[in-house]
mmCIF file of all heavy atoms, coordinates in Angstrom:
data_MODEL
# 
_entry.id   MODEL 
# 
loop_
_atom_site.group_PDB 
_atom_site.id 
_atom_site.type_symbol 
_atom_site.label_atom_id 
_atom_site.label_alt_id 
_atom_site.label_comp_id 
_atom_site.label_asym_id 
_atom_site.label_entity_id 
_atom_site.label_seq_id 
_atom_site.pdbx_PDB_ins_code 
_atom_site.Cartn_x 
_atom_site.Cartn_y 
_atom_site.Cartn_z 
_atom_site.occupancy 
_atom_site.B_iso_or_equiv 
_atom_site.pdbx_formal_charge 
_atom_site.auth_seq_id 
_atom_site.auth_comp_id 
_atom_site.auth_asym_id 
_atom_site.auth_atom_id 
_atom_site.pdbx_PDB_model_num 
ATOM 1   N N   . ASP A 1 1  ? 104.061 109.298 32.457 1.00 0.00 ? 1  ASP A N   1 
ATOM 2   C CA  . ASP A 1 1  ? 103.261 109.077 31.258 1.00 0.00 ? 1  ASP A CA  1 
ATOM 3   C C   . ASP A 1 1  ? 101.944 108.360 31.543 1.00 0.00 ? 1  ASP A C   1 
ATOM 4   O O   . ASP A 1 1  ? 101.195 108.050 30.610 1.00 0.00 ? 1  ASP A O   1 
ATOM 5   C CB  . ASP A 1 1  ? 104.061 108.244 30.238 1.00 0.00 ? 1  ASP A CB  1 
ATOM 6   C CG  . ASP A 1 1  ? 105.302 108.974 29.745 1.00 0.00 ? 1  ASP A CG  1 
ATOM 7   O OD1 . ASP A 1 1  ? 105.239 110.211 29.613 1.00 0.00 ? 1  ASP A OD1 1 
ATOM 8   O OD2 . ASP A 1 1  ? 106.329 108.309 29.503 1.00 0.00 ? 1  ASP A OD2 1 
ATOM 9   N N   . VAL A 1 2  ? 101.658 108.114 32.823 1.00 0.00 ? 2  VAL A N   1 
ATOM 10  C CA  . VAL A 1 2  ? 100.446 107.386 33.198 1.00 0.00 ? 2  VAL A CA  1 
ATOM 11  C C   . VAL A 1 2  ? 99.529  108.309 33.981 1.00 0.00 ? 2  VAL A C   1 
ATOM 12  O O   . VAL A 1 2  ? 99.953  108.911 34.971 1.00 0.00 ? 2  VAL A O   1 
ATOM 13  C CB  . VAL A 1 2  ? 100.809 106.151 34.059 1.00 0.00 ? 2  VAL A CB  1 
ATOM 14  C CG1 . VAL A 1 2  ? 99.549  105.382 34.451 1.00 0.00 ? 2  VAL A CG1 1 
ATOM 15  C CG2 . VAL A 1 2  ? 101.784 105.241 33.313 1.00 0.00 ? 2  VAL A CG2 1 
ATOM 16  N N   . PRO A 1 3  ? 98.256  108.436 33.577 1.00 0.00 ? 3  PRO A N   1 
ATOM 17  C CA  . PRO A 1 3  ? 97.341  109.314 34.320 1.00 0.00 ? 3  PRO A CA  1 
ATOM 18  C C   . PRO A 1 3  ? 97.155  108.831 35.750 1.00 0.00 ? 3  PRO A C   1 
ATOM 19  O O   . PRO A 1 3  ? 96.905  107.648 35.987 1.00 0.00 ? 3  PRO A O   1 
ATOM 20  C CB  . PRO A 1 3  ? 96.035  109.228 33.519 1.00 0.00 ? 3  PRO A CB  1 
ATOM 21  C CG  . PRO A 1 3  ? 96.141  107.991 32.699 1.00 0.00 ? 3  PRO A CG  1 
ATOM 22  C CD  . PRO A 1 3  ? 97.595  107.796 32.421 1.00 0.00 ? 3  PRO A CD  1 
ATOM 23  N N   . GLY A 1 4  ? 97.290  109.760 36.705 1.00 0.00 ? 4  GLY A N   1 
ATOM 24  C CA  . GLY A 1 4  ? 97.201  109.391 38.113 1.00 0.00 ? 4  GLY A CA  1 
ATOM 25  C C   . GLY A 1 4  ? 95.870  109.709 38.748 1.00 0.00 ? 4  GLY A C   1 
ATOM 26  O O   . GLY A 1 4  ? 95.676  109.441 39.941 1.00 0.00 ? 4  GLY A O   1 
ATOM 27  N N   . ASP A 1 5  ? 94.925  110.264 37.984 1.00 0.00 ? 5  ASP A N   1 
ATOM 28  C CA  . ASP A 1 5  ? 93.643  110.687 38.541 1.00 0.00 ? 5  ASP A CA  1 
ATOM 29  C C   . ASP A 1 5  ? 92.516  109.704 38.235 1.00 0.00 ? 5  ASP A C   1 
ATOM 30  O O   . ASP A 1 5  ? 91.350  110.070 38.209 1.00 0.00 ? 5  ASP A O   1 
ATOM 31  C CB  . ASP A 1 5  ? 93.281  112.080 38.017 1.00 0.00 ? 5  ASP A CB  1 
ATOM 32  C CG  . ASP A 1 5  ? 93.191  112.143 36.495 1.00 0.00 ? 5  ASP A CG  1 
ATOM 33  O OD1 . ASP A 1 5  ? 93.570  111.151 35.833 1.00 0.00 ? 5  ASP A OD1 1 
ATOM 34  O OD2 . ASP A 1 5  ? 92.738  113.188 35.970 1.00 0.00 ? 5  ASP A OD2 1 
ATOM 35  N N   . ARG A 1 6  ? 92.888  108.451 37.987 1.00 0.00 ? 6  ARG A N   1 
ATOM 36  C CA  . ARG A 1 6  ? 91.904  107.407 37.721 1.00 0.00 ? 6  ARG A CA  1 
ATOM 37  C C   . ARG A 1 6  ? 92.218  106.197 38.592 1.00 0.00 ? 6  ARG A C   1 
ATOM 38  O O   . ARG A 1 6  ? 93.372  105.995 38.985 1.00 0.00 ? 6  ARG A O   1 
ATOM 39  C CB  . ARG A 1 6  ? 91.937  107.022 36.235 1.00 0.00 ? 6  ARG A CB  1 
ATOM 40  C CG  . ARG A 1 6  ? 91.484  108.152 35.328 1.00 0.00 ? 6  ARG A CG  1 
ATOM 41  C CD  . ARG A 1 6  ? 91.935  107.971 33.900 1.00 0.00 ? 6  ARG A CD  1 
ATOM 42  N NE  . ARG A 1 6  ? 91.396  106.754 33.278 1.00 0.00 ? 6  ARG A NE  1 
ATOM 43  C CZ  . ARG A 1 6  ? 91.679  106.380 32.036 1.00 0.00 ? 6  ARG A CZ  1 
ATOM 44  N NH1 . ARG A 1 6  ? 92.507  107.114 31.289 1.00 0.00 ? 6  ARG A NH1 1 
ATOM 45  N NH2 . ARG A 1 6  ? 91.141  105.291 31.530 1.00 0.00 ? 6  ARG A NH2 1 
ATOM 46  N N   . PRO A 1 7  ? 91.214  105.398 38.941 1.00 0.00 ? 7  PRO A N   1 
ATOM 47  C CA  . PRO A 1 7  ? 91.496  104.196 39.732 1.00 0.00 ? 7  PRO A CA  1 
ATOM 48  C C   . PRO A 1 7  ? 92.399  103.254 38.955 1.00 0.00 ? 7  PRO A C   1 
ATOM 49  O O   . PRO A 1 7  ? 92.303  103.148 37.729 1.00 0.00 ? 7  PRO A O   1 
ATOM 50  C CB  . PRO A 1 7  ? 90.107  103.584 39.966 1.00 0.00 ? 7  PRO A CB  1 
ATOM 51  C CG  . PRO A 1 7  ? 89.232  104.180 38.911 1.00 0.00 ? 7  PRO A CG  1 
ATOM 52  C CD  . PRO A 1 7  ? 89.775  105.536 38.611 1.00 0.00 ? 7  PRO A CD  1 
ATOM 53  N N   . ALA A 1 8  ? 93.274  102.566 39.671 1.00 0.00 ? 8  ALA A N   1 
ATOM 54  C CA  . ALA A 1 8  ? 94.292  101.750 39.002 1.00 0.00 ? 8  ALA A CA  1 
ATOM 55  C C   . ALA A 1 8  ? 94.376  100.360 39.610 1.00 0.00 ? 8  ALA A C   1 
ATOM 56  O O   . ALA A 1 8  ? 94.253  100.181 40.825 1.00 0.00 ? 8  ALA A O   1 
ATOM 57  C CB  . ALA A 1 8  ? 95.653  102.430 39.092 1.00 0.00 ? 8  ALA A CB  1 
ATOM 58  N N   . VAL A 1 9  ? 94.606  99.384  38.752 1.00 0.00 ? 9  VAL A N   1 
ATOM 59  C CA  . VAL A 1 9  ? 94.901  98.028  39.199 1.00 0.00 ? 9  VAL A CA  1 
ATOM 60  C C   . VAL A 1 9  ? 96.206  97.611  38.552 1.00 0.00 ? 9  VAL A C   1 
ATOM 61  O O   . VAL A 1 9  ? 96.410  97.808  37.354 1.00 0.00 ? 9  VAL A O   1 
ATOM 62  C CB  . VAL A 1 9  ? 93.757  97.045  38.876 1.00 0.00 ? 9  VAL A CB  1 
ATOM 63  C CG1 . VAL A 1 9  ? 93.445  96.991  37.389 1.00 0.00 ? 9  VAL A CG1 1 
ATOM 64  C CG2 . VAL A 1 9  ? 94.072  95.640  39.414 1.00 0.00 ? 9  VAL A CG2 1 
ATOM 65  N N   . MET A 1 10 ? 97.105  97.048  39.360 1.00 0.00 ? 10 MET A N   1 
ATOM 66  C CA  . MET A 1 10 ? 98.454  96.721  38.892 1.00 0.00 ? 10 MET A CA  1 
ATOM 67  C C   . MET A 1 10 ? 98.784  95.282  39.239 1.00 0.00 ? 10 MET A C   1 
ATOM 68  O O   . MET A 1 10 ? 98.423  94.807  40.320 1.00 0.00 ? 10 MET A O   1 
ATOM 69  C CB  . MET A 1 10 ? 99.468  97.660  39.559 1.00 0.00 ? 10 MET A CB  1 
ATOM 70  C CG  . MET A 1 10 ? 99.263  99.120  39.168 1.00 0.00 ? 10 MET A CG  1 
ATOM 71  S SD  . MET A 1 10 ? 99.853  100.252 40.451 1.00 0.00 ? 10 MET A SD  1 
ATOM 72  C CE  . MET A 1 10 ? 98.494  100.171 41.619 1.00 0.00 ? 10 MET A CE  1 
ATOM 73  N N   . VAL A 1 11 ? 99.454  94.612  38.322 1.00 0.00 ? 11 VAL A N   1 
ATOM 74  C CA  . VAL A 1 11 ? 99.894  93.246  38.583 1.00 0.00 ? 11 VAL A CA  1 
ATOM 75  C C   . VAL A 1 11 ? 101.387 93.136  38.288 1.00 0.00 ? 11 VAL A C   1 
ATOM 76  O O   . VAL A 1 11 ? 101.917 93.802  37.399 1.00 0.00 ? 11 VAL A O   1 
ATOM 77  C CB  . VAL A 1 11 ? 99.114  92.215  37.734 1.00 0.00 ? 11 VAL A CB  1 
ATOM 78  C CG1 . VAL A 1 11 ? 97.656  92.159  38.153 1.00 0.00 ? 11 VAL A CG1 1 
ATOM 79  C CG2 . VAL A 1 11 ? 99.231  92.509  36.254 1.00 0.00 ? 11 VAL A CG2 1 
ATOM 80  N N   . GLY A 1 12 ? 102.042 92.277  39.059 1.00 0.00 ? 12 GLY A N   1 
ATOM 81  C CA  . GLY A 1 12 ? 103.460 91.978  38.849 1.00 0.00 ? 12 GLY A CA  1 
ATOM 82  C C   . GLY A 1 12 ? 103.633 90.470  38.890 1.00 0.00 ? 12 GLY A C   1 
ATOM 83  O O   . GLY A 1 12 ? 103.825 89.893  39.961 1.00 0.00 ? 12 GLY A O   1 
ATOM 84  N N   . ASP A 1 13 ? 103.518 89.836  37.756 1.00 0.00 ? 13 ASP A N   1 
ATOM 85  C CA  . ASP A 1 13 ? 103.558 88.379  37.670 1.00 0.00 ? 13 ASP A CA  1 
ATOM 86  C C   . ASP A 1 13 ? 105.003 87.928  37.480 1.00 0.00 ? 13 ASP A C   1 
ATOM 87  O O   . ASP A 1 13 ? 105.582 88.085  36.415 1.00 0.00 ? 13 ASP A O   1 
ATOM 88  C CB  . ASP A 1 13 ? 102.693 87.916  36.489 1.00 0.00 ? 13 ASP A CB  1 
ATOM 89  C CG  . ASP A 1 13 ? 102.458 86.416  36.481 1.00 0.00 ? 13 ASP A CG  1 
ATOM 90  O OD1 . ASP A 1 13 ? 103.141 85.709  37.243 1.00 0.00 ? 13 ASP A OD1 1 
ATOM 91  O OD2 . ASP A 1 13 ? 101.586 85.949  35.721 1.00 0.00 ? 13 ASP A OD2 1 
ATOM 92  N N   . GLY A 1 14 ? 105.586 87.375  38.553 1.00 0.00 ? 14 GLY A N   1 
ATOM 93  C CA  . GLY A 1 14 ? 106.974 86.926  38.488 1.00 0.00 ? 14 GLY A CA  1 
ATOM 94  C C   . GLY A 1 14 ? 107.988 88.035  38.634 1.00 0.00 ? 14 GLY A C   1 
ATOM 95  O O   . GLY A 1 14 ? 109.187 87.803  38.443 1.00 0.00 ? 14 GLY A O   1 
ATOM 96  N N   . LEU A 1 15 ? 107.546 89.222  38.999 1.00 0.00 ? 15 LEU A N   1 
ATOM 97  C CA  . LEU A 1 15 ? 108.437 90.390  39.028 1.00 0.00 ? 15 LEU A CA  1 
ATOM 98  C C   . LEU A 1 15 ? 109.228 90.528  40.322 1.00 0.00 ? 15 LEU A C   1 
ATOM 99  O O   . LEU A 1 15 ? 110.417 90.838  40.297 1.00 0.00 ? 15 LEU A O   1 
ATOM 100 C CB  . LEU A 1 15 ? 107.603 91.657  38.809 1.00 0.00 ? 15 LEU A CB  1 
ATOM 101 C CG  . LEU A 1 15 ? 108.324 93.005  38.982 1.00 0.00 ? 15 LEU A CG  1 
ATOM 102 C CD1 . LEU A 1 15 ? 109.352 93.217  37.881 1.00 0.00 ? 15 LEU A CD1 1 
ATOM 103 C CD2 . LEU A 1 15 ? 107.307 94.147  39.013 1.00 0.00 ? 15 LEU A CD2 1 
ATOM 104 N N   . ILE A 1 16 ? 108.563 90.315  41.458 1.00 0.00 ? 16 ILE A N   1 
ATOM 105 C CA  . ILE A 1 16 ? 109.106 90.733  42.746 1.00 0.00 ? 16 ILE A CA  1 
ATOM 106 C C   . ILE A 1 16 ? 110.451 90.087  43.071 1.00 0.00 ? 16 ILE A C   1 
ATOM 107 O O   . ILE A 1 16 ? 111.336 90.725  43.645 1.00 0.00 ? 16 ILE A O   1 
ATOM 108 C CB  . ILE A 1 16 ? 108.081 90.440  43.871 1.00 0.00 ? 16 ILE A CB  1 
ATOM 109 C CG1 . ILE A 1 16 ? 106.761 91.161  43.580 1.00 0.00 ? 16 ILE A CG1 1 
ATOM 110 C CG2 . ILE A 1 16 ? 108.639 90.853  45.221 1.00 0.00 ? 16 ILE A CG2 1 
ATOM 111 C CD1 . ILE A 1 16 ? 106.899 92.649  43.370 1.00 0.00 ? 16 ILE A CD1 1 
ATOM 112 N N   . GLY A 1 17 ? 110.627 88.841  42.689 1.00 0.00 ? 17 GLY A N   1 
ATOM 113 C CA  . GLY A 1 17 ? 111.894 88.169  42.986 1.00 0.00 ? 17 GLY A CA  1 
ATOM 114 C C   . GLY A 1 17 ? 113.094 88.784  42.310 1.00 0.00 ? 17 GLY A C   1 
ATOM 115 O O   . GLY A 1 17 ? 114.237 88.550  42.713 1.00 0.00 ? 17 GLY A O   1 
ATOM 116 N N   . PHE A 1 18 ? 112.864 89.610  41.290 1.00 0.00 ? 18 PHE A N   1 
ATOM 117 C CA  . PHE A 1 18 ? 113.948 90.198  40.514 1.00 0.00 ? 18 PHE A CA  1 
ATOM 118 C C   . PHE A 1 18 ? 114.149 91.691  40.821 1.00 0.00 ? 18 PHE A C   1 
ATOM 119 O O   . PHE A 1 18 ? 114.844 92.383  40.080 1.00 0.00 ? 18 PHE A O   1 
ATOM 120 C CB  . PHE A 1 18 ? 113.690 89.972  39.023 1.00 0.00 ? 18 PHE A CB  1 
ATOM 121 C CG  . PHE A 1 18 ? 113.592 88.509  38.669 1.00 0.00 ? 18 PHE A CG  1 
ATOM 122 C CD1 . PHE A 1 18 ? 112.364 87.889  38.571 1.00 0.00 ? 18 PHE A CD1 1 
ATOM 123 C CD2 . PHE A 1 18 ? 114.739 87.753  38.505 1.00 0.00 ? 18 PHE A CD2 1 
ATOM 124 C CE1 . PHE A 1 18 ? 112.263 86.533  38.290 1.00 0.00 ? 18 PHE A CE1 1 
ATOM 125 C CE2 . PHE A 1 18 ? 114.656 86.397  38.215 1.00 0.00 ? 18 PHE A CE2 1 
ATOM 126 C CZ  . PHE A 1 18 ? 113.418 85.780  38.109 1.00 0.00 ? 18 PHE A CZ  1 
ATOM 127 N N   . LEU A 1 19 ? 113.540 92.153  41.909 1.00 0.00 ? 19 LEU A N   1 
ATOM 128 C CA  . LEU A 1 19 ? 113.765 93.514  42.400 1.00 0.00 ? 19 LEU A CA  1 
ATOM 129 C C   . LEU A 1 19 ? 114.432 93.424  43.768 1.00 0.00 ? 19 LEU A C   1 
ATOM 130 O O   . LEU A 1 19 ? 114.064 92.578  44.583 1.00 0.00 ? 19 LEU A O   1 
ATOM 131 C CB  . LEU A 1 19 ? 112.436 94.272  42.553 1.00 0.00 ? 19 LEU A CB  1 
ATOM 132 C CG  . LEU A 1 19 ? 111.557 94.448  41.322 1.00 0.00 ? 19 LEU A CG  1 
ATOM 133 C CD1 . LEU A 1 19 ? 110.282 95.198  41.709 1.00 0.00 ? 19 LEU A CD1 1 
ATOM 134 C CD2 . LEU A 1 19 ? 112.304 95.202  40.224 1.00 0.00 ? 19 LEU A CD2 1 
ATOM 135 N N   . THR A 1 20 ? 115.383 94.293  44.036 1.00 0.00 ? 20 THR A N   1 
ATOM 136 C CA  . THR A 1 20 ? 115.912 94.346  45.396 1.00 0.00 ? 20 THR A CA  1 
ATOM 137 C C   . THR A 1 20 ? 114.790 94.772  46.329 1.00 0.00 ? 20 THR A C   1 
ATOM 138 O O   . THR A 1 20 ? 113.789 95.362  45.912 1.00 0.00 ? 20 THR A O   1 
ATOM 139 C CB  . THR A 1 20 ? 117.067 95.350  45.516 1.00 0.00 ? 20 THR A CB  1 
ATOM 140 O OG1 . THR A 1 20 ? 116.562 96.682  45.312 1.00 0.00 ? 20 THR A OG1 1 
ATOM 141 C CG2 . THR A 1 20 ? 118.175 95.052  44.503 1.00 0.00 ? 20 THR A CG2 1 
ATOM 142 N N   . GLN A 1 21 ? 114.946 94.469  47.600 1.00 0.00 ? 21 GLN A N   1 
ATOM 143 C CA  . GLN A 1 21 ? 113.906 94.839  48.551 1.00 0.00 ? 21 GLN A CA  1 
ATOM 144 C C   . GLN A 1 21 ? 113.683 96.346  48.568 1.00 0.00 ? 21 GLN A C   1 
ATOM 145 O O   . GLN A 1 21 ? 112.537 96.828  48.578 1.00 0.00 ? 21 GLN A O   1 
ATOM 146 C CB  . GLN A 1 21 ? 114.269 94.346  49.953 1.00 0.00 ? 21 GLN A CB  1 
ATOM 147 C CG  . GLN A 1 21 ? 113.204 94.649  50.995 1.00 0.00 ? 21 GLN A CG  1 
ATOM 148 C CD  . GLN A 1 21 ? 113.501 93.977  52.308 1.00 0.00 ? 21 GLN A CD  1 
ATOM 149 O OE1 . GLN A 1 21 ? 113.422 92.751  52.436 1.00 0.00 ? 21 GLN A OE1 1 
ATOM 150 N NE2 . GLN A 1 21 ? 113.861 94.760  53.309 1.00 0.00 ? 21 GLN A NE2 1 
ATOM 151 N N   . ASP A 1 22 ? 114.753 97.128  48.568 1.00 0.00 ? 22 ASP A N   1 
ATOM 152 C CA  . ASP A 1 22 ? 114.614 98.586  48.577 1.00 0.00 ? 22 ASP A CA  1 
ATOM 153 C C   . ASP A 1 22 ? 113.895 99.086  47.327 1.00 0.00 ? 22 ASP A C   1 
ATOM 154 O O   . ASP A 1 22 ? 113.037 99.980  47.404 1.00 0.00 ? 22 ASP A O   1 
ATOM 155 C CB  . ASP A 1 22 ? 115.982 99.259  48.684 1.00 0.00 ? 22 ASP A CB  1 
ATOM 156 C CG  . ASP A 1 22 ? 116.596 99.132  50.074 1.00 0.00 ? 22 ASP A CG  1 
ATOM 157 O OD1 . ASP A 1 22 ? 115.860 98.772  51.016 1.00 0.00 ? 22 ASP A OD1 1 
ATOM 158 O OD2 . ASP A 1 22 ? 117.811 99.385  50.213 1.00 0.00 ? 22 ASP A OD2 1 
ATOM 159 N N   . ALA A 1 23 ? 114.234 98.501  46.164 1.00 0.00 ? 23 ALA A N   1 
ATOM 160 C CA  . ALA A 1 23 ? 113.581 98.919  44.917 1.00 0.00 ? 23 ALA A CA  1 
ATOM 161 C C   . ALA A 1 23 ? 112.108 98.545  44.915 1.00 0.00 ? 23 ALA A C   1 
ATOM 162 O O   . ALA A 1 23 ? 111.253 99.293  44.425 1.00 0.00 ? 23 ALA A O   1 
ATOM 163 C CB  . ALA A 1 23 ? 114.291 98.287  43.721 1.00 0.00 ? 23 ALA A CB  1 
ATOM 164 N N   . MET A 1 24 ? 111.778 97.383  45.450 1.00 0.00 ? 24 MET A N   1 
ATOM 165 C CA  . MET A 1 24 ? 110.388 96.940  45.533 1.00 0.00 ? 24 MET A CA  1 
ATOM 166 C C   . MET A 1 24 ? 109.574 97.885  46.416 1.00 0.00 ? 24 MET A C   1 
ATOM 167 O O   . MET A 1 24 ? 108.474 98.321  46.039 1.00 0.00 ? 24 MET A O   1 
ATOM 168 C CB  . MET A 1 24 ? 110.331 95.524  46.092 1.00 0.00 ? 24 MET A CB  1 
ATOM 169 C CG  . MET A 1 24 ? 108.922 94.989  46.301 1.00 0.00 ? 24 MET A CG  1 
ATOM 170 S SD  . MET A 1 24 ? 108.931 93.391  47.174 1.00 0.00 ? 24 MET A SD  1 
ATOM 171 C CE  . MET A 1 24 ? 109.469 93.913  48.813 1.00 0.00 ? 24 MET A CE  1 
ATOM 172 N N   . ILE A 1 25 ? 110.110 98.205  47.585 1.00 0.00 ? 25 ILE A N   1 
ATOM 173 C CA  . ILE A 1 25 ? 109.396 99.096  48.505 1.00 0.00 ? 25 ILE A CA  1 
ATOM 174 C C   . ILE A 1 25 ? 109.208 100.475 47.882 1.00 0.00 ? 25 ILE A C   1 
ATOM 175 O O   . ILE A 1 25 ? 108.121 101.069 47.961 1.00 0.00 ? 25 ILE A O   1 
ATOM 176 C CB  . ILE A 1 25 ? 110.148 99.197  49.846 1.00 0.00 ? 25 ILE A CB  1 
ATOM 177 C CG1 . ILE A 1 25 ? 110.150 97.839  50.556 1.00 0.00 ? 25 ILE A CG1 1 
ATOM 178 C CG2 . ILE A 1 25 ? 109.536 100.266 50.735 1.00 0.00 ? 25 ILE A CG2 1 
ATOM 179 C CD1 . ILE A 1 25 ? 111.061 97.773  51.765 1.00 0.00 ? 25 ILE A CD1 1 
# 
């Protein structure tokens, strides 16, 4: 649902600790 043909900036504030390593990668 997100257009992929435009430049993108993404943030994950406090997110990474709650994803498994495999899911994060």
